[in-house]
PDB file of all heavy atoms in Angstrom:
ATOM      1  N   LEU A   1      -3.838   6.470 -15.713  1.00  0.00           N
ATOM      2  CA  LEU A   1      -4.081   5.227 -14.989  1.00  0.00           C
ATOM      3  C   LEU A   1      -3.686   4.035 -15.849  1.00  0.00           C
ATOM      4  O   LEU A   1      -4.227   3.836 -16.954  1.00  0.00           O
ATOM      5  CB  LEU A   1      -5.554   5.093 -14.600  1.00  0.00           C
ATOM      6  CG  LEU A   1      -6.052   5.878 -13.390  1.00  0.00           C
ATOM      7  CD1 LEU A   1      -7.529   5.573 -13.153  1.00  0.00           C
ATOM      8  CD2 LEU A   1      -5.237   5.557 -12.150  1.00  0.00           C
ATOM      9  N   ALA A   2      -2.770   3.237 -15.353  1.00  0.00           N
ATOM     10  CA  ALA A   2      -2.469   1.964 -15.995  1.00  0.00           C
ATOM     11  C   ALA A   2      -3.578   0.980 -15.677  1.00  0.00           C
ATOM     12  O   ALA A   2      -4.347   1.176 -14.731  1.00  0.00           O
ATOM     13  CB  ALA A   2      -1.138   1.444 -15.482  1.00  0.00           C
ATOM     14  N   PRO A   3      -3.706  -0.084 -16.458  1.00  0.00           N
ATOM     15  CA  PRO A   3      -4.729  -1.086 -16.159  1.00  0.00           C
ATOM     16  C   PRO A   3      -4.596  -1.591 -14.731  1.00  0.00           C
ATOM     17  O   PRO A   3      -3.502  -1.888 -14.244  1.00  0.00           O
ATOM     18  CB  PRO A   3      -4.436  -2.182 -17.182  1.00  0.00           C
ATOM     19  CG  PRO A   3      -3.816  -1.464 -18.328  1.00  0.00           C
ATOM     20  CD  PRO A   3      -2.967  -0.404 -17.700  1.00  0.00           C
ATOM     21  N   GLY A   4      -5.756  -1.622 -14.028  1.00  0.00           N
ATOM     22  CA  GLY A   4      -5.780  -2.088 -12.654  1.00  0.00           C
ATOM     23  C   GLY A   4      -5.464  -1.036 -11.623  1.00  0.00           C
ATOM     24  O   GLY A   4      -5.670  -1.254 -10.429  1.00  0.00           O
ATOM     25  N   ALA A   5      -4.959   0.092 -12.045  1.00  0.00           N
ATOM     26  CA  ALA A   5      -4.605   1.158 -11.100  1.00  0.00           C
ATOM     27  C   ALA A   5      -5.836   1.989 -10.727  1.00  0.00           C
ATOM     28  O   ALA A   5      -6.816   2.051 -11.459  1.00  0.00           O
ATOM     29  CB  ALA A   5      -3.522   2.047 -11.688  1.00  0.00           C
ATOM     30  N   SER A   6      -5.766   2.636  -9.567  1.00  0.00           N
ATOM     31  CA  SER A   6      -6.864   3.473  -9.070  1.00  0.00           C
ATOM     32  C   SER A   6      -6.328   4.814  -8.617  1.00  0.00           C
ATOM     33  O   SER A   6      -5.135   4.956  -8.307  1.00  0.00           O
ATOM     34  CB  SER A   6      -7.585   2.797  -7.900  1.00  0.00           C
ATOM     35  OG  SER A   6      -8.160   1.579  -8.280  1.00  0.00           O
ATOM     36  N   VAL A   7      -7.232   5.810  -8.528  1.00  0.00           N
ATOM     37  CA  VAL A   7      -6.892   7.120  -8.006  1.00  0.00           C
ATOM     38  C   VAL A   7      -8.133   7.699  -7.345  1.00  0.00           C
ATOM     39  O   VAL A   7      -9.271   7.401  -7.754  1.00  0.00           O
ATOM     40  CB  VAL A   7      -6.387   8.060  -9.122  1.00  0.00           C
ATOM     41  CG1 VAL A   7      -7.498   8.396 -10.111  1.00  0.00           C
ATOM     42  CG2 VAL A   7      -5.814   9.346  -8.516  1.00  0.00           C
ATOM     43  N   ASP A   8      -7.912   8.482  -6.295  1.00  0.00           N
ATOM     44  CA  ASP A   8      -9.024   9.182  -5.633  1.00  0.00           C
ATOM     45  C   ASP A   8      -8.988  10.645  -6.028  1.00  0.00           C
ATOM     46  O   ASP A   8      -7.976  11.328  -5.811  1.00  0.00           O
ATOM     47  CB  ASP A   8      -8.929   9.057  -4.116  1.00  0.00           C
ATOM     48  CG  ASP A   8      -9.363   7.698  -3.618  1.00  0.00           C
ATOM     49  OD1 ASP A   8     -10.084   7.012  -4.368  1.00  0.00           O
ATOM     50  OD2 ASP A   8      -8.976   7.321  -2.496  1.00  0.00           O
ATOM     51  N   CYS A   9     -10.118  11.102  -6.566  1.00  0.00           N
ATOM     52  CA  CYS A   9     -10.288  12.521  -6.878  1.00  0.00           C
ATOM     53  C   CYS A   9     -11.252  13.110  -5.850  1.00  0.00           C
ATOM     54  O   CYS A   9     -12.114  12.404  -5.312  1.00  0.00           O
ATOM     55  CB  CYS A   9     -10.837  12.697  -8.286  1.00  0.00           C
ATOM     56  SG  CYS A   9      -9.808  11.914  -9.564  1.00  0.00           S
ATOM     57  N   THR A  10     -11.129  14.401  -5.565  1.00  0.00           N
ATOM     58  CA  THR A  10     -11.963  15.017  -4.525  1.00  0.00           C
ATOM     59  C   THR A  10     -12.505  16.368  -4.969  1.00  0.00           C
ATOM     60  O   THR A  10     -11.941  17.038  -5.839  1.00  0.00           O
ATOM     61  CB  THR A  10     -11.175  15.220  -3.216  1.00  0.00           C
ATOM     62  OG1 THR A  10     -10.029  16.027  -3.476  1.00  0.00           O
ATOM     63  CG2 THR A  10     -10.743  13.881  -2.626  1.00  0.00           C
ATOM     64  N   ALA A  11     -13.633  16.739  -4.329  1.00  0.00           N
ATOM     65  CA  ALA A  11     -14.238  18.061  -4.502  1.00  0.00           C
ATOM     66  C   ALA A  11     -14.987  18.382  -3.226  1.00  0.00           C
ATOM     67  O   ALA A  11     -15.331  17.483  -2.443  1.00  0.00           O
ATOM     68  CB  ALA A  11     -15.171  18.088  -5.702  1.00  0.00           C
ATOM     69  N   THR A  12     -15.248  19.650  -2.993  1.00  0.00           N
ATOM     70  CA  THR A  12     -15.986  20.062  -1.793  1.00  0.00           C
ATOM     71  C   THR A  12     -17.225  20.851  -2.197  1.00  0.00           C
ATOM     72  O   THR A  12     -17.292  21.446  -3.282  1.00  0.00           O
ATOM     73  CB  THR A  12     -15.128  20.917  -0.846  1.00  0.00           C
ATOM     74  OG1 THR A  12     -14.671  22.076  -1.545  1.00  0.00           O
ATOM     75  CG2 THR A  12     -13.949  20.117  -0.326  1.00  0.00           C
ATOM     76  N   TYR A  13     -18.197  20.859  -1.277  1.00  0.00           N
ATOM     77  CA  TYR A  13     -19.455  21.568  -1.515  1.00  0.00           C
ATOM     78  C   TYR A  13     -19.947  22.148  -0.195  1.00  0.00           C
ATOM     79  O   TYR A  13     -19.942  21.457   0.841  1.00  0.00           O
ATOM     80  CB  TYR A  13     -20.506  20.620  -2.092  1.00  0.00           C
ATOM     81  CG  TYR A  13     -21.868  21.266  -2.261  1.00  0.00           C
ATOM     82  CD1 TYR A  13     -22.084  22.231  -3.234  1.00  0.00           C
ATOM     83  CD2 TYR A  13     -22.919  20.930  -1.417  1.00  0.00           C
ATOM     84  CE1 TYR A  13     -23.319  22.831  -3.376  1.00  0.00           C
ATOM     85  CE2 TYR A  13     -24.167  21.521  -1.559  1.00  0.00           C
ATOM     86  CZ  TYR A  13     -24.352  22.478  -2.538  1.00  0.00           C
ATOM     87  OH  TYR A  13     -25.575  23.086  -2.677  1.00  0.00           O
ATOM     88  N   THR A  14     -20.374  23.415  -0.233  1.00  0.00           N
ATOM     89  CA  THR A  14     -20.913  24.075   0.961  1.00  0.00           C
ATOM     90  C   THR A  14     -22.434  24.041   0.910  1.00  0.00           C
ATOM     91  O   THR A  14     -23.049  24.521  -0.049  1.00  0.00           O
ATOM     92  CB  THR A  14     -20.424  25.528   1.060  1.00  0.00           C
ATOM     93  OG1 THR A  14     -18.992  25.535   1.109  1.00  0.00           O
ATOM     94  CG2 THR A  14     -20.972  26.196   2.324  1.00  0.00           C
ATOM     95  N   VAL A  15     -23.032  23.463   1.938  1.00  0.00           N
ATOM     96  CA  VAL A  15     -24.484  23.271   1.994  1.00  0.00           C
ATOM     97  C   VAL A  15     -25.195  24.623   2.075  1.00  0.00           C
ATOM     98  O   VAL A  15     -24.768  25.526   2.801  1.00  0.00           O
ATOM     99  CB  VAL A  15     -24.854  22.398   3.215  1.00  0.00           C
ATOM    100  CG1 VAL A  15     -26.367  22.230   3.327  1.00  0.00           C
ATOM    101  CG2 VAL A  15     -24.164  21.040   3.109  1.00  0.00           C
ATOM    102  N   THR A  16     -26.297  24.757   1.323  1.00  0.00           N
ATOM    103  CA  THR A  16     -27.101  25.983   1.337  1.00  0.00           C
ATOM    104  C   THR A  16     -28.390  25.751   2.135  1.00  0.00           C
ATOM    105  O   THR A  16     -28.763  24.612   2.426  1.00  0.00           O
ATOM    106  CB  THR A  16     -27.471  26.425  -0.084  1.00  0.00           C
ATOM    107  OG1 THR A  16     -28.376  25.459  -0.648  1.00  0.00           O
ATOM    108  CG2 THR A  16     -26.235  26.538  -0.964  1.00  0.00           C
ATOM    109  N   GLN A  17     -29.079  26.857   2.441  1.00  0.00           N
ATOM    110  CA  GLN A  17     -30.353  26.735   3.142  1.00  0.00           C
ATOM    111  C   GLN A  17     -31.368  26.005   2.281  1.00  0.00           C
ATOM    112  O   GLN A  17     -32.189  25.218   2.777  1.00  0.00           O
ATOM    113  CB  GLN A  17     -30.885  28.118   3.531  1.00  0.00           C
ATOM    114  CG  GLN A  17     -32.176  28.071   4.346  1.00  0.00           C
ATOM    115  CD  GLN A  17     -32.035  27.267   5.617  1.00  0.00           C
ATOM    116  OE1 GLN A  17     -31.121  27.467   6.386  1.00  0.00           O
ATOM    117  NE2 GLN A  17     -32.941  26.321   5.838  1.00  0.00           N
ATOM    118  N   ALA A  18     -31.317  26.245   0.963  1.00  0.00           N
ATOM    119  CA  ALA A  18     -32.251  25.551   0.073  1.00  0.00           C
ATOM    120  C   ALA A  18     -32.043  24.035   0.125  1.00  0.00           C
ATOM    121  O   ALA A  18     -32.999  23.262  -0.011  1.00  0.00           O
ATOM    122  CB  ALA A  18     -32.095  26.064  -1.356  1.00  0.00           C
ATOM    123  N   ASP A  19     -30.784  23.591   0.302  1.00  0.00           N
ATOM    124  CA  ASP A  19     -30.515  22.156   0.436  1.00  0.00           C
ATOM    125  C   ASP A  19     -31.171  21.605   1.707  1.00  0.00           C
ATOM    126  O   ASP A  19     -31.766  20.523   1.698  1.00  0.00           O
ATOM    127  CB  ASP A  19     -29.006  21.898   0.491  1.00  0.00           C
ATOM    128  CG  ASP A  19     -28.276  22.358  -0.758  1.00  0.00           C
ATOM    129  OD1 ASP A  19     -28.894  22.353  -1.835  1.00  0.00           O
ATOM    130  OD2 ASP A  19     -27.098  22.733  -0.653  1.00  0.00           O
ATOM    131  N   ILE A  20     -31.040  22.374   2.804  1.00  0.00           N
ATOM    132  CA  ILE A  20     -31.656  21.941   4.059  1.00  0.00           C
ATOM    133  C   ILE A  20     -33.165  21.843   3.880  1.00  0.00           C
ATOM    134  O   ILE A  20     -33.809  20.873   4.317  1.00  0.00           O
ATOM    135  CB  ILE A  20     -31.313  22.911   5.203  1.00  0.00           C
ATOM    136  CG1 ILE A  20     -29.789  22.976   5.413  1.00  0.00           C
ATOM    137  CG2 ILE A  20     -32.015  22.502   6.496  1.00  0.00           C
ATOM    138  CD1 ILE A  20     -29.155  21.674   5.838  1.00  0.00           C
ATOM    139  N   ASP A  21     -33.749  22.831   3.230  1.00  0.00           N
ATOM    140  CA  ASP A  21     -35.191  22.816   3.009  1.00  0.00           C
ATOM    141  C   ASP A  21     -35.605  21.643   2.127  1.00  0.00           C
ATOM    142  O   ASP A  21     -36.679  21.049   2.327  1.00  0.00           O
ATOM    143  CB  ASP A  21     -35.635  24.130   2.363  1.00  0.00           C
ATOM    144  CG  ASP A  21     -35.372  25.335   3.260  1.00  0.00           C
ATOM    145  OD1 ASP A  21     -35.277  25.145   4.495  1.00  0.00           O
ATOM    146  OD2 ASP A  21     -35.248  26.457   2.734  1.00  0.00           O
ATOM    147  N   ALA A  22     -34.760  21.295   1.128  1.00  0.00           N
ATOM    148  CA  ALA A  22     -35.093  20.206   0.206  1.00  0.00           C
ATOM    149  C   ALA A  22     -35.018  18.842   0.886  1.00  0.00           C
ATOM    150  O   ALA A  22     -35.685  17.900   0.474  1.00  0.00           O
ATOM    151  CB  ALA A  22     -34.156  20.239  -0.995  1.00  0.00           C
ATOM    152  N   GLY A  23     -34.182  18.710   1.901  1.00  0.00           N
ATOM    153  CA  GLY A  23     -34.114  17.464   2.653  1.00  0.00           C
ATOM    154  C   GLY A  23     -32.978  16.538   2.291  1.00  0.00           C
ATOM    155  O   GLY A  23     -32.700  15.589   3.026  1.00  0.00           O
ATOM    156  N   SER A  24     -32.307  16.788   1.158  1.00  0.00           N
ATOM    157  CA  SER A  24     -31.177  15.933   0.779  1.00  0.00           C
ATOM    158  C   SER A  24     -30.413  16.588  -0.365  1.00  0.00           C
ATOM    159  O   SER A  24     -30.913  17.506  -1.035  1.00  0.00           O
ATOM    160  CB  SER A  24     -31.647  14.540   0.356  1.00  0.00           C
ATOM    161  OG  SER A  24     -32.416  14.618  -0.838  1.00  0.00           O
ATOM    162  N   ILE A  25     -29.175  16.077  -0.586  1.00  0.00           N
ATOM    163  CA  ILE A  25     -28.339  16.508  -1.705  1.00  0.00           C
ATOM    164  C   ILE A  25     -27.902  15.240  -2.440  1.00  0.00           C
ATOM    165  O   ILE A  25     -27.252  14.372  -1.850  1.00  0.00           O
ATOM    166  CB  ILE A  25     -27.097  17.275  -1.226  1.00  0.00           C
ATOM    167  CG1 ILE A  25     -27.497  18.416  -0.294  1.00  0.00           C
ATOM    168  CG2 ILE A  25     -26.286  17.796  -2.408  1.00  0.00           C
ATOM    169  CD1 ILE A  25     -26.339  18.967   0.518  1.00  0.00           C
ATOM    170  N   ALA A  26     -28.279  15.124  -3.715  1.00  0.00           N
ATOM    171  CA  ALA A  26     -27.915  13.944  -4.510  1.00  0.00           C
ATOM    172  C   ALA A  26     -26.925  14.355  -5.592  1.00  0.00           C
ATOM    173  O   ALA A  26     -27.065  15.411  -6.211  1.00  0.00           O
ATOM    174  CB  ALA A  26     -29.150  13.320  -5.143  1.00  0.00           C
ATOM    175  N   ASN A  27     -25.906  13.495  -5.814  1.00  0.00           N
ATOM    176  CA  ASN A  27     -24.852  13.803  -6.771  1.00  0.00           C
ATOM    177  C   ASN A  27     -24.504  12.539  -7.546  1.00  0.00           C
ATOM    178  O   ASN A  27     -24.215  11.497  -6.955  1.00  0.00           O
ATOM    179  CB  ASN A  27     -23.626  14.331  -6.012  1.00  0.00           C
ATOM    180  CG  ASN A  27     -22.603  14.941  -6.932  1.00  0.00           C
ATOM    181  OD1 ASN A  27     -22.502  14.562  -8.092  1.00  0.00           O
ATOM    182  ND2 ASN A  27     -21.831  15.864  -6.399  1.00  0.00           N
TER     183      ASN A  27
END
């Protein structure tokens, strides 16, 4: 990245039953 430049990075996550039970997913 040069000064002032931006980039979008990505990742994916598959929700589990424990996440549903917990009520939220924080990252």
